[in-house]
Amino acid sequence: MLPCLNKQLFGIECLGCGIQRATALLFKGEFIAAFKMYPAIYSLLLLAVFLIFSLFYKIQHANRYKIVLIAINVIIIVVSYVLKMNKYL
């Protein structure tokens, strides 16, 4: 796994810490462990599938869906990061 530069320099995890491990767990079939490692893994996967799908097919109101999916992901990432940091305090 690639080390987190933010964690190495400042000793604090970044918003993306855990996504590599969660992806590896996902490929191993450990779905609950992947979610516990990085709660936004499934919403990010949904966003990626939607973005790839929208490249090949015309989807009505695609920009609205993209904005909603991105907003959901940002909220999940920020909330899980705050909860994780509060656990370490």
C-alpha atoms as a PDB file:
ATOM      1  CA  MET A   1       0.000   0.000   0.000  1.00  0.00           C
ATOM      2  CA  LEU A   2       1.077   3.543  -0.642  1.00  0.00           C
ATOM      3  CA  PRO A   3       1.763   5.468   2.553  1.00  0.00           C
ATOM      4  CA  CYS A   4      -0.248   8.575   3.355  1.00  0.00           C
ATOM      5  CA  LEU A   5       2.001  11.602   2.920  1.00  0.00           C
ATOM      6  CA  ASN A   6      -0.200  13.717   5.191  1.00  0.00           C
ATOM      7  CA  LYS A   7       0.054  11.159   7.976  1.00  0.00           C
ATOM      8  CA  GLN A   8       3.819  10.873   7.545  1.00  0.00           C
ATOM      9  CA  LEU A   9       4.414  14.626   7.588  1.00  0.00           C
ATOM     10  CA  PHE A  10       1.853  15.800  10.139  1.00  0.00           C
ATOM     11  CA  GLY A  11       0.869  12.647  12.020  1.00  0.00           C
ATOM     12  CA  ILE A  12      -2.814  13.167  11.186  1.00  0.00           C
ATOM     13  CA  GLU A  13      -4.827  11.011   8.811  1.00  0.00           C
ATOM     14  CA  CYS A  14      -6.279  12.681   5.736  1.00  0.00           C
ATOM     15  CA  LEU A  15      -9.826  12.392   4.382  1.00  0.00           C
ATOM     16  CA  GLY A  16      -8.735   9.606   2.040  1.00  0.00           C
ATOM     17  CA  CYS A  17      -6.901   7.456   4.574  1.00  0.00           C
ATOM     18  CA  GLY A  18      -8.277   3.943   4.416  1.00  0.00           C
ATOM     19  CA  ILE A  19      -9.592   3.942   0.855  1.00  0.00           C
ATOM     20  CA  GLN A  20      -6.776   1.708  -0.447  1.00  0.00           C
ATOM     21  CA  ARG A  21      -7.263  -0.816   2.333  1.00  0.00           C
ATOM     22  CA  ALA A  22     -11.044  -0.679   1.891  1.00  0.00           C
ATOM     23  CA  THR A  23     -10.675  -1.331  -1.847  1.00  0.00           C
ATOM     24  CA  ALA A  24      -8.384  -4.282  -1.150  1.00  0.00           C
ATOM     25  CA  LEU A  25     -10.898  -5.654   1.362  1.00  0.00           C
ATOM     26  CA  LEU A  26     -13.668  -5.167  -1.193  1.00  0.00           C
ATOM     27  CA  PHE A  27     -11.778  -7.247  -3.772  1.00  0.00           C
ATOM     28  CA  LYS A  28     -11.229  -9.947  -1.145  1.00  0.00           C
ATOM     29  CA  GLY A  29     -14.970 -10.085  -0.547  1.00  0.00           C
ATOM     30  CA  GLU A  30     -14.830  -8.644   2.965  1.00  0.00           C
ATOM     31  CA  PHE A  31     -17.656  -6.160   2.444  1.00  0.00           C
ATOM     32  CA  ILE A  32     -18.385  -5.252   6.059  1.00  0.00           C
ATOM     33  CA  ALA A  33     -14.702  -4.773   6.856  1.00  0.00           C
ATOM     34  CA  ALA A  34     -14.374  -2.539   3.780  1.00  0.00           C
ATOM     35  CA  PHE A  35     -17.247  -0.386   5.003  1.00  0.00           C
ATOM     36  CA  LYS A  36     -15.769  -0.156   8.493  1.00  0.00           C
ATOM     37  CA  MET A  37     -12.400   0.824   7.043  1.00  0.00           C
ATOM     38  CA  TYR A  38     -13.810   3.564   4.781  1.00  0.00           C
ATOM     39  CA  PRO A  39     -17.576   4.186   4.994  1.00  0.00           C
ATOM     40  CA  ALA A  40     -17.745   6.061   1.684  1.00  0.00           C
ATOM     41  CA  ILE A  41     -16.427   3.109  -0.331  1.00  0.00           C
ATOM     42  CA  TYR A  42     -19.843   2.051  -1.619  1.00  0.00           C
ATOM     43  CA  SER A  43     -21.111   5.522  -2.429  1.00  0.00           C
ATOM     44  CA  LEU A  44     -17.837   6.242  -4.254  1.00  0.00           C
ATOM     45  CA  LEU A  45     -18.255   2.988  -6.161  1.00  0.00           C
ATOM     46  CA  LEU A  46     -21.797   4.015  -7.107  1.00  0.00           C
ATOM     47  CA  LEU A  47     -20.514   7.413  -8.277  1.00  0.00           C
ATOM     48  CA  ALA A  48     -17.762   5.790 -10.350  1.00  0.00           C
ATOM     49  CA  VAL A  49     -20.213   3.374 -11.991  1.00  0.00           C
ATOM     50  CA  PHE A  50     -22.597   6.230 -12.754  1.00  0.00           C
ATOM     51  CA  LEU A  51     -19.831   8.372 -14.251  1.00  0.00           C
ATOM     52  CA  ILE A  52     -18.586   5.534 -16.455  1.00  0.00           C
ATOM     53  CA  PHE A  53     -22.139   4.623 -17.471  1.00  0.00           C
ATOM     54  CA  SER A  54     -22.907   8.255 -18.346  1.00  0.00           C
ATOM     55  CA  LEU A  55     -19.938   8.343 -20.716  1.00  0.00           C
ATOM     56  CA  PHE A  56     -21.554   5.726 -22.944  1.00  0.00           C
ATOM     57  CA  TYR A  57     -25.251   6.465 -22.520  1.00  0.00           C
ATOM     58  CA  LYS A  58     -27.180   9.697 -22.496  1.00  0.00           C
ATOM     59  CA  ILE A  59     -28.899  10.099 -19.156  1.00  0.00           C
ATOM     60  CA  GLN A  60     -31.529  12.745 -18.673  1.00  0.00           C
ATOM     61  CA  HIS A  61     -30.612  15.147 -15.827  1.00  0.00           C
ATOM     62  CA  ALA A  62     -27.200  13.487 -15.476  1.00  0.00           C
ATOM     63  CA  ASN A  63     -25.620  16.645 -14.050  1.00  0.00           C
ATOM     64  CA  ARG A  64     -28.161  16.748 -11.227  1.00  0.00           C
ATOM     65  CA  TYR A  65     -27.483  13.120 -10.366  1.00  0.00           C
ATOM     66  CA  LYS A  66     -23.737  13.764 -10.413  1.00  0.00           C
ATOM     67  CA  ILE A  67     -24.077  16.732  -8.077  1.00  0.00           C
ATOM     68  CA  VAL A  68     -26.267  14.759  -5.672  1.00  0.00           C
ATOM     69  CA  LEU A  69     -23.910  11.765  -5.677  1.00  0.00           C
ATOM     70  CA  ILE A  70     -20.879  14.000  -5.151  1.00  0.00           C
ATOM     71  CA  ALA A  71     -22.610  15.841  -2.304  1.00  0.00           C
ATOM     72  CA  ILE A  72     -23.544  12.549  -0.646  1.00  0.00           C
ATOM     73  CA  ASN A  73     -19.951  11.358  -0.925  1.00  0.00           C
ATOM     74  CA  VAL A  74     -18.535  14.570   0.508  1.00  0.00           C
ATOM     75  CA  ILE A  75     -20.948  14.424   3.438  1.00  0.00           C
ATOM     76  CA  ILE A  76     -20.136  10.782   4.189  1.00  0.00           C
ATOM     77  CA  ILE A  77     -16.383  11.377   3.930  1.00  0.00           C
ATOM     78  CA  VAL A  78     -16.403  14.466   6.145  1.00  0.00           C
ATOM     79  CA  VAL A  79     -18.719  12.986   8.781  1.00  0.00           C
ATOM     80  CA  SER A  80     -16.747   9.732   8.994  1.00  0.00           C
ATOM     81  CA  TYR A  81     -13.481  11.706   9.198  1.00  0.00           C
ATOM     82  CA  VAL A  82     -14.785  13.884  12.048  1.00  0.00           C
ATOM     83  CA  LEU A  83     -16.043  10.822  13.908  1.00  0.00           C
ATOM     84  CA  LYS A  84     -12.706   9.061  13.406  1.00  0.00           C
ATOM     85  CA  MET A  85     -10.723  12.081  14.609  1.00  0.00           C
ATOM     86  CA  ASN A  86     -12.969  12.479  17.681  1.00  0.00           C
ATOM     87  CA  LYS A  87     -12.273   8.854  18.548  1.00  0.00           C
ATOM     88  CA  TYR A  88      -8.523   9.600  18.601  1.00  0.00           C
ATOM     89  CA  LEU A  89      -8.859  12.713  20.785  1.00  0.00           C
END
